[in-house]
Amino acid sequence: MNKVPLTVAGAEKLRQELEELKSVVRPRIIKAIAEAREHGDLKENAEYHAAREQQSFTEGRIADIEGKLSNAEIIDVTKIDGNGKVVFGATVEIENIETEEVVSYQLVGEDEADIKEGRISIGSPIARALIGKLEEDVITVKTPSGEIEYEIISVKYI
């Protein structure tokens, strides 16, 4: 299986979620199933079926996170010497040439992406256009509404 890139912060966030699921959520669901069983007939017991459904979802998420962490290539961005190039984990400040709007994005793994927090997936069109470029380079990103040109203002490894 291919290694999936993750930042140190992204891996830690997944580990915390996994710990929460295993030590808090799973025991709570087991307790809810036991209580629902005490109510008798399981065929028409909505609480039992809801708890079993929640258990199924939780176990699936645990397996998903464990799989992601086992296939992860954890990259510490602060230890990368990218020589000013845009690489995985870099934080890039870009300016829309037409509108002069400036935005900052960190290029992260697919599971870490959150546009509201300024983190975009390494597989996104903007990230693919940025990879390997340097400060002051101009990139063109194809969007559904047409092509947009950006100038790279800064590249940081933080």
C-alpha atoms as a PDB file:
ATOM      1  CA  MET A   1       0.000   0.000   0.000  1.00  0.00           C
ATOM      2  CA  ASN A   2       1.206   3.534  -0.730  1.00  0.00           C
ATOM      3  CA  LYS A   3       2.427   5.728   2.085  1.00  0.00           C
ATOM      4  CA  VAL A   4       0.123   8.661   2.846  1.00  0.00           C
ATOM      5  CA  PRO A   5       1.810  11.938   3.822  1.00  0.00           C
ATOM      6  CA  LEU A   6       0.785  13.463   7.153  1.00  0.00           C
ATOM      7  CA  THR A   7       2.172  16.400   9.071  1.00  0.00           C
ATOM      8  CA  VAL A   8       3.221  15.850  12.691  1.00  0.00           C
ATOM      9  CA  ALA A   9       0.183  17.881  13.847  1.00  0.00           C
ATOM     10  CA  GLY A  10      -2.164  15.872  11.624  1.00  0.00           C
ATOM     11  CA  ALA A  11      -0.844  12.569  12.942  1.00  0.00           C
ATOM     12  CA  GLU A  12      -1.199  13.777  16.526  1.00  0.00           C
ATOM     13  CA  LYS A  13      -4.792  14.847  15.890  1.00  0.00           C
ATOM     14  CA  LEU A  14      -5.609  11.382  14.502  1.00  0.00           C
ATOM     15  CA  ARG A  15      -3.937   9.721  17.508  1.00  0.00           C
ATOM     16  CA  GLN A  16      -5.996  11.864  19.893  1.00  0.00           C
ATOM     17  CA  GLU A  17      -9.218  10.968  18.072  1.00  0.00           C
ATOM     18  CA  LEU A  18      -8.273   7.282  18.195  1.00  0.00           C
ATOM     19  CA  GLU A  19      -7.571   7.474  21.928  1.00  0.00           C
ATOM     20  CA  GLU A  20     -10.919   9.225  22.515  1.00  0.00           C
ATOM     21  CA  LEU A  21     -12.788   6.572  20.523  1.00  0.00           C
ATOM     22  CA  LYS A  22     -11.098   3.684  22.312  1.00  0.00           C
ATOM     23  CA  SER A  23     -11.102   4.988  25.884  1.00  0.00           C
ATOM     24  CA  VAL A  24     -14.307   7.062  26.055  1.00  0.00           C
ATOM     25  CA  VAL A  25     -16.706   6.376  23.188  1.00  0.00           C
ATOM     26  CA  ARG A  26     -16.314   2.598  22.926  1.00  0.00           C
ATOM     27  CA  PRO A  27     -16.922   1.938  26.683  1.00  0.00           C
ATOM     28  CA  ARG A  28     -19.932   4.289  26.646  1.00  0.00           C
ATOM     29  CA  ILE A  29     -21.471   2.369  23.720  1.00  0.00           C
ATOM     30  CA  ILE A  30     -20.824  -0.997  25.377  1.00  0.00           C
ATOM     31  CA  LYS A  31     -22.592   0.270  28.487  1.00  0.00           C
ATOM     32  CA  ALA A  32     -25.547   1.558  26.392  1.00  0.00           C
ATOM     33  CA  ILE A  33     -25.877  -1.840  24.660  1.00  0.00           C
ATOM     34  CA  ALA A  34     -25.852  -3.649  28.012  1.00  0.00           C
ATOM     35  CA  GLU A  35     -28.547  -1.331  29.397  1.00  0.00           C
ATOM     36  CA  ALA A  36     -30.677  -1.721  26.266  1.00  0.00           C
ATOM     37  CA  ARG A  37     -30.413  -5.535  26.509  1.00  0.00           C
ATOM     38  CA  GLU A  38     -31.828  -5.370  30.031  1.00  0.00           C
ATOM     39  CA  HIS A  39     -35.015  -3.844  28.619  1.00  0.00           C
ATOM     40  CA  GLY A  40     -35.990  -7.163  27.078  1.00  0.00           C
ATOM     41  CA  ASP A  41     -37.124  -7.901  23.505  1.00  0.00           C
ATOM     42  CA  LEU A  42     -34.294  -6.808  21.187  1.00  0.00           C
ATOM     43  CA  LYS A  43     -36.361  -6.929  17.979  1.00  0.00           C
ATOM     44  CA  GLU A  44     -38.354  -3.826  18.858  1.00  0.00           C
ATOM     45  CA  ASN A  45     -35.794  -2.122  21.088  1.00  0.00           C
ATOM     46  CA  ALA A  46     -34.846   1.151  19.353  1.00  0.00           C
ATOM     47  CA  GLU A  47     -32.204   2.002  21.968  1.00  0.00           C
ATOM     48  CA  TYR A  48     -30.452  -1.297  21.339  1.00  0.00           C
ATOM     49  CA  HIS A  49     -30.465  -0.845  17.556  1.00  0.00           C
ATOM     50  CA  ALA A  50     -29.237   2.752  17.849  1.00  0.00           C
ATOM     51  CA  ALA A  51     -26.396   1.697  20.154  1.00  0.00           C
ATOM     52  CA  ARG A  52     -25.405  -1.157  17.809  1.00  0.00           C
ATOM     53  CA  GLU A  53     -25.403   1.254  14.855  1.00  0.00           C
ATOM     54  CA  GLN A  54     -23.247   3.691  16.796  1.00  0.00           C
ATOM     55  CA  GLN A  55     -20.932   0.815  17.744  1.00  0.00           C
ATOM     56  CA  SER A  56     -20.588  -0.172  14.097  1.00  0.00           C
ATOM     57  CA  PHE A  57     -19.745   3.384  13.081  1.00  0.00           C
ATOM     58  CA  THR A  58     -17.219   3.769  15.915  1.00  0.00           C
ATOM     59  CA  GLU A  59     -15.461   0.471  15.169  1.00  0.00           C
ATOM     60  CA  GLY A  60     -15.280   1.435  11.491  1.00  0.00           C
ATOM     61  CA  ARG A  61     -13.747   4.800  12.356  1.00  0.00           C
ATOM     62  CA  ILE A  62     -11.219   3.145  14.700  1.00  0.00           C
ATOM     63  CA  ALA A  63     -10.165   0.747  11.927  1.00  0.00           C
ATOM     64  CA  ASP A  64      -9.980   3.651   9.448  1.00  0.00           C
ATOM     65  CA  ILE A  65      -7.727   5.752  11.715  1.00  0.00           C
ATOM     66  CA  GLU A  66      -5.497   2.786  12.576  1.00  0.00           C
ATOM     67  CA  GLY A  67      -5.108   2.052   8.861  1.00  0.00           C
ATOM     68  CA  LYS A  68      -4.241   5.664   8.070  1.00  0.00           C
ATOM     69  CA  LEU A  69      -1.682   5.861  10.855  1.00  0.00           C
ATOM     70  CA  SER A  70      -0.066   2.562   9.862  1.00  0.00           C
ATOM     71  CA  ASN A  71       0.322   3.768   6.258  1.00  0.00           C
ATOM     72  CA  ALA A  72       1.322   7.308   7.184  1.00  0.00           C
ATOM     73  CA  GLU A  73       4.597   8.916   6.295  1.00  0.00           C
ATOM     74  CA  ILE A  74       4.845  11.540   9.013  1.00  0.00           C
ATOM     75  CA  ILE A  75       6.700  14.605   7.829  1.00  0.00           C
ATOM     76  CA  ASP A  76       8.050  17.239  10.218  1.00  0.00           C
ATOM     77  CA  VAL A  77       7.783  20.421   8.183  1.00  0.00           C
ATOM     78  CA  THR A  78      10.105  22.360  10.488  1.00  0.00           C
ATOM     79  CA  LYS A  79      12.983  19.995   9.641  1.00  0.00           C
ATOM     80  CA  ILE A  80      12.581  20.318   5.872  1.00  0.00           C
ATOM     81  CA  ASP A  81      15.083  22.343   3.900  1.00  0.00           C
ATOM     82  CA  GLY A  82      13.038  23.111   0.835  1.00  0.00           C
ATOM     83  CA  ASN A  83      15.413  25.816  -0.405  1.00  0.00           C
ATOM     84  CA  GLY A  84      12.463  28.155  -0.818  1.00  0.00           C
ATOM     85  CA  LYS A  85      10.489  25.664  -2.898  1.00  0.00           C
ATOM     86  CA  VAL A  86       6.874  24.809  -2.190  1.00  0.00           C
ATOM     87  CA  VAL A  87       6.832  21.267  -0.764  1.00  0.00           C
ATOM     88  CA  PHE A  88       4.423  19.158   1.285  1.00  0.00           C
ATOM     89  CA  GLY A  89       3.746  20.861   4.610  1.00  0.00           C
ATOM     90  CA  ALA A  90       4.905  24.296   3.507  1.00  0.00           C
ATOM     91  CA  THR A  91       2.794  27.334   4.314  1.00  0.00           C
ATOM     92  CA  VAL A  92       2.420  29.445   1.191  1.00  0.00           C
ATOM     93  CA  GLU A  93       1.119  32.978   0.929  1.00  0.00           C
ATOM     94  CA  ILE A  94      -0.282  33.725  -2.531  1.00  0.00           C
ATOM     95  CA  GLU A  95      -1.879  36.746  -4.159  1.00  0.00           C
ATOM     96  CA  ASN A  96      -4.596  36.622  -6.779  1.00  0.00           C
ATOM     97  CA  ILE A  97      -3.094  38.786  -9.530  1.00  0.00           C
ATOM     98  CA  GLU A  98      -6.466  40.019 -10.767  1.00  0.00           C
ATOM     99  CA  THR A  99      -8.170  40.830  -7.447  1.00  0.00           C
ATOM    100  CA  GLU A 100      -5.006  41.383  -5.342  1.00  0.00           C
ATOM    101  CA  GLU A 101      -6.559  39.174  -2.643  1.00  0.00           C
ATOM    102  CA  VAL A 102      -3.878  37.543  -0.478  1.00  0.00           C
ATOM    103  CA  VAL A 103      -4.445  34.138   1.127  1.00  0.00           C
ATOM    104  CA  SER A 104      -2.237  31.722   3.034  1.00  0.00           C
ATOM    105  CA  TYR A 105      -2.445  27.937   2.801  1.00  0.00           C
ATOM    106  CA  GLN A 106      -0.564  25.048   4.319  1.00  0.00           C
ATOM    107  CA  LEU A 107      -0.258  22.046   1.990  1.00  0.00           C
ATOM    108  CA  VAL A 108      -1.252  18.975   3.998  1.00  0.00           C
ATOM    109  CA  GLY A 109      -2.468  15.408   3.565  1.00  0.00           C
ATOM    110  CA  GLU A 110      -5.988  14.656   2.429  1.00  0.00           C
ATOM    111  CA  ASP A 111      -7.208  13.810   5.946  1.00  0.00           C
ATOM    112  CA  GLU A 112      -5.882  17.045   7.426  1.00  0.00           C
ATOM    113  CA  ALA A 113      -7.351  19.436   4.870  1.00  0.00           C
ATOM    114  CA  ASP A 114      -9.626  22.127   6.300  1.00  0.00           C
ATOM    115  CA  ILE A 115     -10.070  25.207   4.143  1.00  0.00           C
ATOM    116  CA  LYS A 116     -11.480  27.211   7.080  1.00  0.00           C
ATOM    117  CA  GLU A 117      -8.188  26.711   8.905  1.00  0.00           C
ATOM    118  CA  GLY A 118      -6.097  27.439   5.810  1.00  0.00           C
ATOM    119  CA  ARG A 119      -5.038  23.845   5.176  1.00  0.00           C
ATOM    120  CA  ILE A 120      -5.502  22.452   1.662  1.00  0.00           C
ATOM    121  CA  SER A 121      -4.989  18.926   0.403  1.00  0.00           C
ATOM    122  CA  ILE A 122      -1.793  18.190  -1.469  1.00  0.00           C
ATOM    123  CA  GLY A 123      -4.044  16.795  -4.223  1.00  0.00           C
ATOM    124  CA  SER A 124      -6.070  19.982  -4.717  1.00  0.00           C
ATOM    125  CA  PRO A 125      -5.631  21.946  -7.956  1.00  0.00           C
ATOM    126  CA  ILE A 126      -3.993  24.913  -6.186  1.00  0.00           C
ATOM    127  CA  ALA A 127      -1.570  22.674  -4.273  1.00  0.00           C
ATOM    128  CA  ARG A 128      -0.626  20.741  -7.415  1.00  0.00           C
ATOM    129  CA  ALA A 129       0.093  24.028  -9.196  1.00  0.00           C
ATOM    130  CA  LEU A 130       2.200  25.274  -6.264  1.00  0.00           C
ATOM    131  CA  ILE A 131       4.425  22.211  -5.729  1.00  0.00           C
ATOM    132  CA  GLY A 132       8.017  22.841  -6.760  1.00  0.00           C
ATOM    133  CA  LYS A 133       7.548  26.578  -7.325  1.00  0.00           C
ATOM    134  CA  LEU A 134       9.504  29.397  -5.650  1.00  0.00           C
ATOM    135  CA  GLU A 135       8.685  32.808  -4.176  1.00  0.00           C
ATOM    136  CA  GLU A 136       7.686  35.347  -6.847  1.00  0.00           C
ATOM    137  CA  ASP A 137       6.712  32.584  -9.310  1.00  0.00           C
ATOM    138  CA  VAL A 138       3.345  33.005 -10.998  1.00  0.00           C
ATOM    139  CA  ILE A 139       1.080  29.960 -11.191  1.00  0.00           C
ATOM    140  CA  THR A 140      -2.095  29.366 -13.165  1.00  0.00           C
ATOM    141  CA  VAL A 141      -4.885  27.351 -11.576  1.00  0.00           C
ATOM    142  CA  LYS A 142      -7.720  25.958 -13.688  1.00  0.00           C
ATOM    143  CA  THR A 143     -11.078  26.392 -11.984  1.00  0.00           C
ATOM    144  CA  PRO A 144     -14.635  25.780 -13.168  1.00  0.00           C
ATOM    145  CA  SER A 145     -14.999  29.542 -13.726  1.00  0.00           C
ATOM    146  CA  GLY A 146     -11.765  29.789 -15.724  1.00  0.00           C
ATOM    147  CA  GLU A 147      -8.069  30.176 -15.088  1.00  0.00           C
ATOM    148  CA  ILE A 148      -6.808  32.200 -12.135  1.00  0.00           C
ATOM    149  CA  GLU A 149      -3.244  33.465 -11.800  1.00  0.00           C
ATOM    150  CA  TYR A 150      -1.530  33.715  -8.438  1.00  0.00           C
ATOM    151  CA  GLU A 151       1.850  35.069  -7.446  1.00  0.00           C
ATOM    152  CA  ILE A 152       3.698  33.294  -4.649  1.00  0.00           C
ATOM    153  CA  ILE A 153       4.523  35.891  -2.007  1.00  0.00           C
ATOM    154  CA  SER A 154       6.210  33.697   0.593  1.00  0.00           C
ATOM    155  CA  VAL A 155       7.034  30.072   1.413  1.00  0.00           C
ATOM    156  CA  LYS A 156       7.506  29.083   5.047  1.00  0.00           C
ATOM    157  CA  TYR A 157       8.290  25.768   6.724  1.00  0.00           C
ATOM    158  CA  ILE A 158       6.522  26.209  10.057  1.00  0.00           C
END
